[in-house]
Amino acid sequence: MKISERIIAVYLMQRFVRMSRVLLPAFIELKSKKNLTQFEERRIKGIEEVYQNFNADPKASKILINSNILELIQKIYFSVLKEEGFDSKGLFQYDQFIKECDRLIITWDRQMLN
């Protein structure tokens, strides 16, 4: 992979992680609701489209940014999609996702300030 390709890949990864930090908690909240408005139903479908169309190998985040964030995102998304709810393992993975997202975002924001 050329350096320019790697820079673009890392940038896309950053955008996806930042977006997921907002979308996954919203998705979880919406999926837990009993009566959805039409707007909420469209929002769920939009979020599902984002994650169904994103087909990166979870190993990519390990290689590009030394993080398992893509694996965490995929596990949480598919768990919520299947409406399995969160058992203790799911809650642990969600907590890991939040912490890892926040850690990455703080790191990236600091790098942008330099």
PDB file of N, CA and C in Angstrom:
ATOM      1  N   MET A   1       0.852  -1.175   0.000  1.00  0.00           N
ATOM      2  CA  MET A   1       0.000   0.000   0.000  1.00  0.00           C
ATOM      3  C   MET A   1       0.894   1.231   0.000  1.00  0.00           C
ATOM      4  N   LYS A   2       0.645   2.123  -0.954  1.00  0.00           N
ATOM      5  CA  LYS A   2       1.401   3.368  -1.022  1.00  0.00           C
ATOM      6  C   LYS A   2       1.027   4.259   0.153  1.00  0.00           C
ATOM      7  N   ILE A   3       1.897   5.172   0.463  1.00  0.00           N
ATOM      8  CA  ILE A   3       1.666   6.075   1.593  1.00  0.00           C
ATOM      9  C   ILE A   3       0.403   6.913   1.377  1.00  0.00           C
ATOM     10  N   SER A   4       0.171   7.367   0.149  1.00  0.00           N
ATOM     11  CA  SER A   4      -1.029   8.173  -0.125  1.00  0.00           C
ATOM     12  C   SER A   4      -2.300   7.337   0.070  1.00  0.00           C
ATOM     13  N   GLU A   5      -2.258   6.066  -0.312  1.00  0.00           N
ATOM     14  CA  GLU A   5      -3.410   5.180  -0.108  1.00  0.00           C
ATOM     15  C   GLU A   5      -3.646   4.925   1.381  1.00  0.00           C
ATOM     16  N   ARG A   6      -2.560   4.786   2.110  1.00  0.00           N
ATOM     17  CA  ARG A   6      -2.674   4.563   3.558  1.00  0.00           C
ATOM     18  C   ARG A   6      -3.270   5.789   4.254  1.00  0.00           C
ATOM     19  N   ILE A   7      -2.853   6.968   3.844  1.00  0.00           N
ATOM     20  CA  ILE A   7      -3.385   8.207   4.428  1.00  0.00           C
ATOM     21  C   ILE A   7      -4.886   8.303   4.174  1.00  0.00           C
ATOM     22  N   ILE A   8      -5.302   8.001   2.966  1.00  0.00           N
ATOM     23  CA  ILE A   8      -6.731   8.041   2.628  1.00  0.00           C
ATOM     24  C   ILE A   8      -7.495   7.002   3.438  1.00  0.00           C
ATOM     25  N   ALA A   9      -6.929   5.795   3.564  1.00  0.00           N
ATOM     26  CA  ALA A   9      -7.587   4.727   4.322  1.00  0.00           C
ATOM     27  C   ALA A   9      -7.743   5.110   5.800  1.00  0.00           C
ATOM     28  N   VAL A  10      -6.711   5.703   6.371  1.00  0.00           N
ATOM     29  CA  VAL A  10      -6.782   6.125   7.775  1.00  0.00           C
ATOM     30  C   VAL A  10      -7.815   7.238   7.929  1.00  0.00           C
ATOM     31  N   TYR A  11      -7.847   8.171   6.997  1.00  0.00           N
ATOM     32  CA  TYR A  11      -8.832   9.256   7.046  1.00  0.00           C
ATOM     33  C   TYR A  11     -10.256   8.688   6.995  1.00  0.00           C
ATOM     34  N   LEU A  12     -10.497   7.746   6.092  1.00  0.00           N
ATOM     35  CA  LEU A  12     -11.823   7.134   5.987  1.00  0.00           C
ATOM     36  C   LEU A  12     -12.175   6.371   7.264  1.00  0.00           C
ATOM     37  N   MET A  13     -11.191   5.707   7.829  1.00  0.00           N
ATOM     38  CA  MET A  13     -11.398   4.988   9.081  1.00  0.00           C
ATOM     39  C   MET A  13     -11.792   5.971  10.191  1.00  0.00           C
ATOM     40  N   GLN A  14     -11.112   7.086  10.260  1.00  0.00           N
ATOM     41  CA  GLN A  14     -11.427   8.092  11.269  1.00  0.00           C
ATOM     42  C   GLN A  14     -12.866   8.591  11.108  1.00  0.00           C
ATOM     43  N   ARG A  15     -13.261   8.869   9.883  1.00  0.00           N
ATOM     44  CA  ARG A  15     -14.623   9.354   9.633  1.00  0.00           C
ATOM     45  C   ARG A  15     -15.656   8.307  10.041  1.00  0.00           C
ATOM     46  N   PHE A  16     -15.371   7.045   9.710  1.00  0.00           N
ATOM     47  CA  PHE A  16     -16.309   5.977  10.044  1.00  0.00           C
ATOM     48  C   PHE A  16     -16.419   5.787  11.558  1.00  0.00           C
ATOM     49  N   VAL A  17     -15.314   5.859  12.259  1.00  0.00           N
ATOM     50  CA  VAL A  17     -15.330   5.702  13.722  1.00  0.00           C
ATOM     51  C   VAL A  17     -16.086   6.864  14.361  1.00  0.00           C
ATOM     52  N   ARG A  18     -15.821   8.067  13.930  1.00  0.00           N
ATOM     53  CA  ARG A  18     -16.532   9.235  14.479  1.00  0.00           C
ATOM     54  C   ARG A  18     -18.040   9.120  14.227  1.00  0.00           C
ATOM     55  N   MET A  19     -18.391   8.702  13.030  1.00  0.00           N
ATOM     56  CA  MET A  19     -19.798   8.552  12.679  1.00  0.00           C
ATOM     57  C   MET A  19     -20.443   7.451  13.524  1.00  0.00           C
ATOM     58  N   SER A  20     -19.724   6.348  13.715  1.00  0.00           N
ATOM     59  CA  SER A  20     -20.258   5.229  14.490  1.00  0.00           C
ATOM     60  C   SER A  20     -20.460   5.597  15.951  1.00  0.00           C
ATOM     61  N   ARG A  21     -19.634   6.503  16.460  1.00  0.00           N
ATOM     62  CA  ARG A  21     -19.766   6.938  17.855  1.00  0.00           C
ATOM     63  C   ARG A  21     -21.112   7.604  18.092  1.00  0.00           C
ATOM     64  N   VAL A  22     -21.675   8.175  17.030  1.00  0.00           N
ATOM     65  CA  VAL A  22     -22.991   8.807  17.127  1.00  0.00           C
ATOM     66  C   VAL A  22     -24.097   7.827  16.711  1.00  0.00           C
ATOM     67  N   LEU A  23     -23.880   7.116  15.601  1.00  0.00           N
ATOM     68  CA  LEU A  23     -24.938   6.279  15.045  1.00  0.00           C
ATOM     69  C   LEU A  23     -25.276   5.045  15.882  1.00  0.00           C
ATOM     70  N   LEU A  24     -24.279   4.359  16.391  1.00  0.00           N
ATOM     71  CA  LEU A  24     -24.584   3.126  17.135  1.00  0.00           C
ATOM     72  C   LEU A  24     -25.404   3.375  18.399  1.00  0.00           C
ATOM     73  N   PRO A  25     -25.059   4.364  19.226  1.00  0.00           N
ATOM     74  CA  PRO A  25     -25.935   4.625  20.383  1.00  0.00           C
ATOM     75  C   PRO A  25     -27.357   5.022  19.961  1.00  0.00           C
ATOM     76  N   ALA A  26     -27.475   5.795  18.881  1.00  0.00           N
ATOM     77  CA  ALA A  26     -28.801   6.174  18.384  1.00  0.00           C
ATOM     78  C   ALA A  26     -29.557   4.940  17.884  1.00  0.00           C
ATOM     79  N   PHE A  27     -28.862   4.060  17.185  1.00  0.00           N
ATOM     80  CA  PHE A  27     -29.457   2.830  16.668  1.00  0.00           C
ATOM     81  C   PHE A  27     -29.967   1.954  17.808  1.00  0.00           C
ATOM     82  N   ILE A  28     -29.165   1.821  18.847  1.00  0.00           N
ATOM     83  CA  ILE A  28     -29.560   1.023  20.008  1.00  0.00           C
ATOM     84  C   ILE A  28     -30.820   1.605  20.647  1.00  0.00           C
ATOM     85  N   GLU A  29     -30.832   2.909  20.807  1.00  0.00           N
ATOM     86  CA  GLU A  29     -31.991   3.573  21.415  1.00  0.00           C
ATOM     87  C   GLU A  29     -33.240   3.374  20.562  1.00  0.00           C
ATOM     88  N   LEU A  30     -33.108   3.573  19.253  1.00  0.00           N
ATOM     89  CA  LEU A  30     -34.260   3.428  18.368  1.00  0.00           C
ATOM     90  C   LEU A  30     -34.776   1.989  18.334  1.00  0.00           C
ATOM     91  N   LYS A  31     -33.869   1.025  18.299  1.00  0.00           N
ATOM     92  CA  LYS A  31     -34.279  -0.378  18.234  1.00  0.00           C
ATOM     93  C   LYS A  31     -34.956  -0.842  19.524  1.00  0.00           C
ATOM     94  N   SER A  32     -34.715  -0.137  20.614  1.00  0.00           N
ATOM     95  CA  SER A  32     -35.326  -0.531  21.885  1.00  0.00           C
ATOM     96  C   SER A  32     -36.729   0.064  22.066  1.00  0.00           C
ATOM     97  N   LYS A  33     -37.095   1.002  21.205  1.00  0.00           N
ATOM     98  CA  LYS A  33     -38.412   1.634  21.309  1.00  0.00           C
ATOM     99  C   LYS A  33     -39.496   0.707  20.773  1.00  0.00           C
ATOM    100  N   LYS A  34     -40.650   0.787  21.380  1.00  0.00           N
ATOM    101  CA  LYS A  34     -41.793  -0.047  20.963  1.00  0.00           C
ATOM    102  C   LYS A  34     -42.547   0.577  19.786  1.00  0.00           C
ATOM    103  N   ASN A  35     -42.928   1.832  19.919  1.00  0.00           N
ATOM    104  CA  ASN A  35     -43.703   2.500  18.885  1.00  0.00           C
ATOM    105  C   ASN A  35     -42.840   3.570  18.221  1.00  0.00           C
ATOM    106  N   LEU A  36     -42.532   3.315  16.964  1.00  0.00           N
ATOM    107  CA  LEU A  36     -41.664   4.243  16.236  1.00  0.00           C
ATOM    108  C   LEU A  36     -42.481   5.139  15.320  1.00  0.00           C
ATOM    109  N   THR A  37     -42.043   6.368  15.207  1.00  0.00           N
ATOM    110  CA  THR A  37     -42.638   7.264  14.227  1.00  0.00           C
ATOM    111  C   THR A  37     -42.073   6.904  12.851  1.00  0.00           C
ATOM    112  N   GLN A  38     -42.661   7.458  11.805  1.00  0.00           N
ATOM    113  CA  GLN A  38     -42.141   7.213  10.460  1.00  0.00           C
ATOM    114  C   GLN A  38     -40.716   7.740  10.332  1.00  0.00           C
ATOM    115  N   PHE A  39     -40.460   8.881  10.940  1.00  0.00           N
ATOM    116  CA  PHE A  39     -39.105   9.442  10.908  1.00  0.00           C
ATOM    117  C   PHE A  39     -38.110   8.495  11.560  1.00  0.00           C
ATOM    118  N   GLU A  40     -38.471   7.934  12.709  1.00  0.00           N
ATOM    119  CA  GLU A  40     -37.583   7.008  13.411  1.00  0.00           C
ATOM    120  C   GLU A  40     -37.360   5.731  12.606  1.00  0.00           C
ATOM    121  N   GLU A  41     -38.408   5.244  11.942  1.00  0.00           N
ATOM    122  CA  GLU A  41     -38.261   4.057  11.092  1.00  0.00           C
ATOM    123  C   GLU A  41     -37.310   4.332   9.928  1.00  0.00           C
ATOM    124  N   ARG A  42     -37.422   5.513   9.324  1.00  0.00           N
ATOM    125  CA  ARG A  42     -36.512   5.889   8.235  1.00  0.00           C
ATOM    126  C   ARG A  42     -35.090   6.021   8.751  1.00  0.00           C
ATOM    127  N   ARG A  43     -34.956   6.543   9.946  1.00  0.00           N
ATOM    128  CA  ARG A  43     -33.626   6.690  10.531  1.00  0.00           C
ATOM    129  C   ARG A  43     -32.982   5.322  10.770  1.00  0.00           C
ATOM    130  N   ILE A  44     -33.752   4.371  11.265  1.00  0.00           N
ATOM    131  CA  ILE A  44     -33.236   3.013  11.456  1.00  0.00           C
ATOM    132  C   ILE A  44     -32.790   2.426  10.122  1.00  0.00           C
ATOM    133  N   LYS A  45     -33.614   2.573   9.099  1.00  0.00           N
ATOM    134  CA  LYS A  45     -33.263   2.043   7.780  1.00  0.00           C
ATOM    135  C   LYS A  45     -32.000   2.705   7.241  1.00  0.00           C
ATOM    136  N   GLY A  46     -31.851   4.004   7.461  1.00  0.00           N
ATOM    137  CA  GLY A  46     -30.652   4.715   7.026  1.00  0.00           C
ATOM    138  C   GLY A  46     -29.400   4.213   7.726  1.00  0.00           C
ATOM    139  N   ILE A  47     -29.506   3.992   9.022  1.00  0.00           N
ATOM    140  CA  ILE A  47     -28.364   3.478   9.785  1.00  0.00           C
ATOM    141  C   ILE A  47     -28.020   2.072   9.317  1.00  0.00           C
ATOM    142  N   GLU A  48     -29.036   1.250   9.103  1.00  0.00           N
ATOM    143  CA  GLU A  48     -28.795  -0.105   8.616  1.00  0.00           C
ATOM    144  C   GLU A  48     -28.094  -0.087   7.259  1.00  0.00           C
ATOM    145  N   GLU A  49     -28.489   0.822   6.386  1.00  0.00           N
ATOM    146  CA  GLU A  49     -27.846   0.934   5.070  1.00  0.00           C
ATOM    147  C   GLU A  49     -26.363   1.269   5.205  1.00  0.00           C
ATOM    148  N   VAL A  50     -26.046   2.166   6.118  1.00  0.00           N
ATOM    149  CA  VAL A  50     -24.644   2.531   6.328  1.00  0.00           C
ATOM    150  C   VAL A  50     -23.825   1.302   6.682  1.00  0.00           C
ATOM    151  N   TYR A  51     -24.288   0.533   7.648  1.00  0.00           N
ATOM    152  CA  TYR A  51     -23.505  -0.605   8.133  1.00  0.00           C
ATOM    153  C   TYR A  51     -23.568  -1.806   7.194  1.00  0.00           C
ATOM    154  N   GLN A  52     -24.665  -1.971   6.470  1.00  0.00           N
ATOM    155  CA  GLN A  52     -24.732  -3.071   5.510  1.00  0.00           C
ATOM    156  C   GLN A  52     -23.815  -2.816   4.314  1.00  0.00           C
ATOM    157  N   ASN A  53     -23.643  -1.551   3.960  1.00  0.00           N
ATOM    158  CA  ASN A  53     -22.802  -1.202   2.809  1.00  0.00           C
ATOM    159  C   ASN A  53     -21.328  -1.068   3.163  1.00  0.00           C
ATOM    160  N   PHE A  54     -21.007  -1.023   4.437  1.00  0.00           N
ATOM    161  CA  PHE A  54     -19.618  -0.924   4.855  1.00  0.00           C
ATOM    162  C   PHE A  54     -19.082  -2.329   5.042  1.00  0.00           C
ATOM    163  N   ASN A  55     -18.234  -2.752   4.132  1.00  0.00           N
ATOM    164  CA  ASN A  55     -17.785  -4.139   4.174  1.00  0.00           C
ATOM    165  C   ASN A  55     -16.275  -4.266   4.340  1.00  0.00           C
ATOM    166  N   ALA A  56     -15.719  -3.455   5.192  1.00  0.00           N
ATOM    167  CA  ALA A  56     -14.280  -3.527   5.464  1.00  0.00           C
ATOM    168  C   ALA A  56     -13.979  -4.714   6.368  1.00  0.00           C
ATOM    169  N   ASP A  57     -12.840  -5.281   6.170  1.00  0.00           N
ATOM    170  CA  ASP A  57     -12.366  -6.371   7.023  1.00  0.00           C
ATOM    171  C   ASP A  57     -12.022  -5.786   8.393  1.00  0.00           C
ATOM    172  N   PRO A  58     -12.531  -6.390   9.470  1.00  0.00           N
ATOM    173  CA  PRO A  58     -12.230  -5.866  10.804  1.00  0.00           C
ATOM    174  C   PRO A  58     -10.735  -5.782  11.102  1.00  0.00           C
ATOM    175  N   LYS A  59      -9.950  -6.578  10.410  1.00  0.00           N
ATOM    176  CA  LYS A  59      -8.504  -6.546  10.612  1.00  0.00           C
ATOM    177  C   LYS A  59      -7.899  -5.239  10.101  1.00  0.00           C
ATOM    178  N   ALA A  60      -8.629  -4.543   9.237  1.00  0.00           N
ATOM    179  CA  ALA A  60      -8.106  -3.295   8.667  1.00  0.00           C
ATOM    180  C   ALA A  60      -7.804  -2.269   9.745  1.00  0.00           C
ATOM    181  N   SER A  61      -8.658  -2.180  10.757  1.00  0.00           N
ATOM    182  CA  SER A  61      -8.405  -1.189  11.810  1.00  0.00           C
ATOM    183  C   SER A  61      -7.196  -1.579  12.650  1.00  0.00           C
ATOM    184  N   LYS A  62      -6.952  -2.867  12.783  1.00  0.00           N
ATOM    185  CA  LYS A  62      -5.746  -3.309  13.502  1.00  0.00           C
ATOM    186  C   LYS A  62      -4.502  -2.880  12.733  1.00  0.00           C
ATOM    187  N   ILE A  63      -4.541  -3.053  11.433  1.00  0.00           N
ATOM    188  CA  ILE A  63      -3.399  -2.735  10.585  1.00  0.00           C
ATOM    189  C   ILE A  63      -3.196  -1.223  10.475  1.00  0.00           C
ATOM    190  N   LEU A  64      -4.279  -0.491  10.238  1.00  0.00           N
ATOM    191  CA  LEU A  64      -4.170   0.944   9.969  1.00  0.00           C
ATOM    192  C   LEU A  64      -3.998   1.795  11.223  1.00  0.00           C
ATOM    193  N   ILE A  65      -4.748   1.463  12.277  1.00  0.00           N
ATOM    194  CA  ILE A  65      -4.726   2.346  13.454  1.00  0.00           C
ATOM    195  C   ILE A  65      -4.455   1.591  14.755  1.00  0.00           C
ATOM    196  N   ASN A  66      -4.055   0.346  14.638  1.00  0.00           N
ATOM    197  CA  ASN A  66      -3.709  -0.477  15.797  1.00  0.00           C
ATOM    198  C   ASN A  66      -4.845  -0.510  16.830  1.00  0.00           C
ATOM    199  N   SER A  67      -6.042  -0.821  16.324  1.00  0.00           N
ATOM    200  CA  SER A  67      -7.223  -0.862  17.179  1.00  0.00           C
ATOM    201  C   SER A  67      -8.176  -1.931  16.657  1.00  0.00           C
ATOM    202  N   ASN A  68      -8.949  -2.516  17.541  1.00  0.00           N
ATOM    203  CA  ASN A  68      -9.962  -3.484  17.131  1.00  0.00           C
ATOM    204  C   ASN A  68     -11.334  -2.838  16.974  1.00  0.00           C
ATOM    205  N   ILE A  69     -11.367  -1.562  16.703  1.00  0.00           N
ATOM    206  CA  ILE A  69     -12.611  -0.803  16.682  1.00  0.00           C
ATOM    207  C   ILE A  69     -13.604  -1.316  15.643  1.00  0.00           C
ATOM    208  N   LEU A  70     -13.147  -1.719  14.465  1.00  0.00           N
ATOM    209  CA  LEU A  70     -14.085  -2.227  13.461  1.00  0.00           C
ATOM    210  C   LEU A  70     -14.749  -3.519  13.912  1.00  0.00           C
ATOM    211  N   GLU A  71     -13.999  -4.358  14.565  1.00  0.00           N
ATOM    212  CA  GLU A  71     -14.568  -5.598  15.093  1.00  0.00           C
ATOM    213  C   GLU A  71     -15.643  -5.291  16.138  1.00  0.00           C
ATOM    214  N   LEU A  72     -15.368  -4.343  17.017  1.00  0.00           N
ATOM    215  CA  LEU A  72     -16.346  -3.950  18.033  1.00  0.00           C
ATOM    216  C   LEU A  72     -17.598  -3.371  17.397  1.00  0.00           C
ATOM    217  N   ILE A  73     -17.421  -2.515  16.403  1.00  0.00           N
ATOM    218  CA  ILE A  73     -18.559  -1.905  15.715  1.00  0.00           C
ATOM    219  C   ILE A  73     -19.427  -2.989  15.081  1.00  0.00           C
ATOM    220  N   GLN A  74     -18.794  -3.922  14.383  1.00  0.00           N
ATOM    221  CA  GLN A  74     -19.552  -4.984  13.725  1.00  0.00           C
ATOM    222  C   GLN A  74     -20.293  -5.858  14.735  1.00  0.00           C
ATOM    223  N   LYS A  75     -19.638  -6.237  15.810  1.00  0.00           N
ATOM    224  CA  LYS A  75     -20.275  -7.089  16.816  1.00  0.00           C
ATOM    225  C   LYS A  75     -21.499  -6.403  17.413  1.00  0.00           C
ATOM    226  N   ILE A  76     -21.354  -5.140  17.751  1.00  0.00           N
ATOM    227  CA  ILE A  76     -22.466  -4.410  18.361  1.00  0.00           C
ATOM    228  C   ILE A  76     -23.599  -4.229  17.368  1.00  0.00           C
ATOM    229  N   TYR A  77     -23.276  -3.828  16.152  1.00  0.00           N
ATOM    230  CA  TYR A  77     -24.316  -3.618  15.141  1.00  0.00           C
ATOM    231  C   TYR A  77     -25.118  -4.902  14.906  1.00  0.00           C
ATOM    232  N   PHE A  78     -24.436  -6.013  14.677  1.00  0.00           N
ATOM    233  CA  PHE A  78     -25.148  -7.252  14.376  1.00  0.00           C
ATOM    234  C   PHE A  78     -25.911  -7.782  15.581  1.00  0.00           C
ATOM    235  N   SER A  79     -25.415  -7.540  16.763  1.00  0.00           N
ATOM    236  CA  SER A  79     -26.127  -7.928  17.970  1.00  0.00           C
ATOM    237  C   SER A  79     -27.437  -7.155  18.095  1.00  0.00           C
ATOM    238  N   VAL A  80     -27.385  -5.867  17.848  1.00  0.00           N
ATOM    239  CA  VAL A  80     -28.588  -5.028  17.927  1.00  0.00           C
ATOM    240  C   VAL A  80     -29.540  -5.374  16.786  1.00  0.00           C
ATOM    241  N   LEU A  81     -28.994  -5.617  15.616  1.00  0.00           N
ATOM    242  CA  LEU A  81     -29.805  -5.948  14.448  1.00  0.00           C
ATOM    243  C   LEU A  81     -30.605  -7.225  14.684  1.00  0.00           C
ATOM    244  N   LYS A  82     -29.990  -8.195  15.330  1.00  0.00           N
ATOM    245  CA  LYS A  82     -30.660  -9.467  15.621  1.00  0.00           C
ATOM    246  C   LYS A  82     -31.623  -9.357  16.799  1.00  0.00           C
ATOM    247  N   GLU A  83     -31.635  -8.168  17.410  1.00  0.00           N
ATOM    248  CA  GLU A  83     -32.493  -7.898  18.568  1.00  0.00           C
ATOM    249  C   GLU A  83     -32.226  -8.884  19.701  1.00  0.00           C
ATOM    250  N   GLU A  84     -30.969  -9.231  19.864  1.00  0.00           N
ATOM    251  CA  GLU A  84     -30.595 -10.127  20.951  1.00  0.00           C
ATOM    252  C   GLU A  84     -30.600  -9.414  22.299  1.00  0.00           C
ATOM    253  N   GLY A  85     -30.552  -8.107  22.263  1.00  0.00           N
ATOM    254  CA  GLY A  85     -30.425  -7.373  23.509  1.00  0.00           C
ATOM    255  C   GLY A  85     -28.996  -7.476  24.007  1.00  0.00           C
ATOM    256  N   PHE A  86     -28.728  -6.854  25.093  1.00  0.00           N
ATOM    257  CA  PHE A  86     -27.379  -6.861  25.634  1.00  0.00           C
ATOM    258  C   PHE A  86     -27.329  -7.718  26.885  1.00  0.00           C
ATOM    259  N   ASP A  87     -26.596  -8.809  26.786  1.00  0.00           N
ATOM    260  CA  ASP A  87     -26.280  -9.575  27.978  1.00  0.00           C
ATOM    261  C   ASP A  87     -25.008  -8.962  28.555  1.00  0.00           C
ATOM    262  N   SER A  88     -24.428  -9.598  29.550  1.00  0.00           N
ATOM    263  CA  SER A  88     -23.239  -9.006  30.168  1.00  0.00           C
ATOM    264  C   SER A  88     -22.086  -8.908  29.165  1.00  0.00           C
ATOM    265  N   LYS A  89     -21.959  -9.888  28.268  1.00  0.00           N
ATOM    266  CA  LYS A  89     -20.913  -9.838  27.239  1.00  0.00           C
ATOM    267  C   LYS A  89     -21.161  -8.675  26.279  1.00  0.00           C
ATOM    268  N   GLY A  90     -22.418  -8.492  25.873  1.00  0.00           N
ATOM    269  CA  GLY A  90     -22.765  -7.399  24.970  1.00  0.00           C
ATOM    270  C   GLY A  90     -22.537  -6.037  25.606  1.00  0.00           C
ATOM    271  N   LEU A  91     -22.885  -5.911  26.864  1.00  0.00           N
ATOM    272  CA  LEU A  91     -22.653  -4.648  27.579  1.00  0.00           C
ATOM    273  C   LEU A  91     -21.163  -4.358  27.701  1.00  0.00           C
ATOM    274  N   PHE A  92     -20.389  -5.404  27.941  1.00  0.00           N
ATOM    275  CA  PHE A  92     -18.939  -5.245  28.022  1.00  0.00           C
ATOM    276  C   PHE A  92     -18.382  -4.777  26.680  1.00  0.00           C
ATOM    277  N   GLN A  93     -18.839  -5.395  25.582  1.00  0.00           N
ATOM    278  CA  GLN A  93     -18.378  -4.997  24.248  1.00  0.00           C
ATOM    279  C   GLN A  93     -18.805  -3.566  23.927  1.00  0.00           C
ATOM    280  N   TYR A  94     -20.024  -3.188  24.314  1.00  0.00           N
ATOM    281  CA  TYR A  94     -20.484  -1.822  24.075  1.00  0.00           C
ATOM    282  C   TYR A  94     -19.624  -0.834  24.855  1.00  0.00           C
ATOM    283  N   ASP A  95     -19.327  -1.165  26.097  1.00  0.00           N
ATOM    284  CA  ASP A  95     -18.463  -0.313  26.917  1.00  0.00           C
ATOM    285  C   ASP A  95     -17.078  -0.189  26.288  1.00  0.00           C
ATOM    286  N   GLN A  96     -16.547  -1.307  25.788  1.00  0.00           N
ATOM    287  CA  GLN A  96     -15.254  -1.272  25.101  1.00  0.00           C
ATOM    288  C   GLN A  96     -15.319  -0.375  23.869  1.00  0.00           C
ATOM    289  N   PHE A  97     -16.398  -0.493  23.117  1.00  0.00           N
ATOM    290  CA  PHE A  97     -16.587   0.340  21.928  1.00  0.00           C
ATOM    291  C   PHE A  97     -16.559   1.825  22.281  1.00  0.00           C
ATOM    292  N   ILE A  98     -17.320   2.210  23.287  1.00  0.00           N
ATOM    293  CA  ILE A  98     -17.380   3.616  23.697  1.00  0.00           C
ATOM    294  C   ILE A  98     -15.994   4.098  24.132  1.00  0.00           C
ATOM    295  N   LYS A  99     -15.335   3.325  24.963  1.00  0.00           N
ATOM    296  CA  LYS A  99     -14.010   3.723  25.455  1.00  0.00           C
ATOM    297  C   LYS A  99     -12.999   3.816  24.317  1.00  0.00           C
ATOM    298  N   GLU A 100     -13.012   2.842  23.413  1.00  0.00           N
ATOM    299  CA  GLU A 100     -12.048   2.840  22.316  1.00  0.00           C
ATOM    300  C   GLU A 100     -12.330   3.975  21.340  1.00  0.00           C
ATOM    301  N   CYS A 101     -13.589   4.214  21.038  1.00  0.00           N
ATOM    302  CA  CYS A 101     -13.947   5.357  20.173  1.00  0.00           C
ATOM    303  C   CYS A 101     -13.459   6.656  20.791  1.00  0.00           C
ATOM    304  N   ASP A 102     -13.784   6.853  22.043  1.00  0.00           N
ATOM    305  CA  ASP A 102     -13.388   8.092  22.711  1.00  0.00           C
ATOM    306  C   ASP A 102     -11.869   8.241  22.744  1.00  0.00           C
ATOM    307  N   ARG A 103     -11.169   7.139  23.012  1.00  0.00           N
ATOM    308  CA  ARG A 103      -9.703   7.182  23.034  1.00  0.00           C
ATOM    309  C   ARG A 103      -9.155   7.582  21.656  1.00  0.00           C
ATOM    310  N   LEU A 104      -9.676   6.957  20.621  1.00  0.00           N
ATOM    311  CA  LEU A 104      -9.210   7.260  19.265  1.00  0.00           C
ATOM    312  C   LEU A 104      -9.514   8.707  18.875  1.00  0.00           C
ATOM    313  N   ILE A 105     -10.705   9.143  19.167  1.00  0.00           N
ATOM    314  CA  ILE A 105     -11.110  10.506  18.796  1.00  0.00           C
ATOM    315  C   ILE A 105     -10.262  11.537  19.534  1.00  0.00           C
ATOM    316  N   ILE A 106     -10.003  11.322  20.803  1.00  0.00           N
ATOM    317  CA  ILE A 106      -9.146  12.241  21.563  1.00  0.00           C
ATOM    318  C   ILE A 106      -7.745  12.264  20.961  1.00  0.00           C
ATOM    319  N   THR A 107      -7.218  11.097  20.629  1.00  0.00           N
ATOM    320  CA  THR A 107      -5.884  11.013  20.017  1.00  0.00           C
ATOM    321  C   THR A 107      -5.849  11.758  18.696  1.00  0.00           C
ATOM    322  N   TRP A 108      -6.845  11.527  17.846  1.00  0.00           N
ATOM    323  CA  TRP A 108      -6.881  12.187  16.538  1.00  0.00           C
ATOM    324  C   TRP A 108      -7.042  13.704  16.686  1.00  0.00           C
ATOM    325  N   ASP A 109      -7.863  14.128  17.624  1.00  0.00           N
ATOM    326  CA  ASP A 109      -8.051  15.575  17.833  1.00  0.00           C
ATOM    327  C   ASP A 109      -6.753  16.230  18.301  1.00  0.00           C
ATOM    328  N   ARG A 110      -6.018  15.552  19.166  1.00  0.00           N
ATOM    329  CA  ARG A 110      -4.727  16.092  19.617  1.00  0.00           C
ATOM    330  C   ARG A 110      -3.749  16.196  18.449  1.00  0.00           C
ATOM    331  N   GLN A 111      -3.753  15.183  17.596  1.00  0.00           N
ATOM    332  CA  GLN A 111      -2.848  15.202  16.442  1.00  0.00           C
ATOM    333  C   GLN A 111      -3.186  16.357  15.499  1.00  0.00           C
ATOM    334  N   MET A 112      -4.463  16.652  15.367  1.00  0.00           N
ATOM    335  CA  MET A 112      -4.860  17.761  14.491  1.00  0.00           C
ATOM    336  C   MET A 112      -4.427  19.107  15.057  1.00  0.00           C
ATOM    337  N   LEU A 113      -4.327  19.200  16.368  1.00  0.00           N
ATOM    338  CA  LEU A 113      -3.911  20.463  16.992  1.00  0.00           C
ATOM    339  C   LEU A 113      -2.415  20.723  16.829  1.00  0.00           C
ATOM    340  N   ASN A 114      -1.650  19.672  16.630  1.00  0.00           N
ATOM    341  CA  ASN A 114      -0.190  19.821  16.482  1.00  0.00           C
ATOM    342  C   ASN A 114       0.187  20.257  15.104  1.00  0.00           C
TER     343      ASN A 114
END
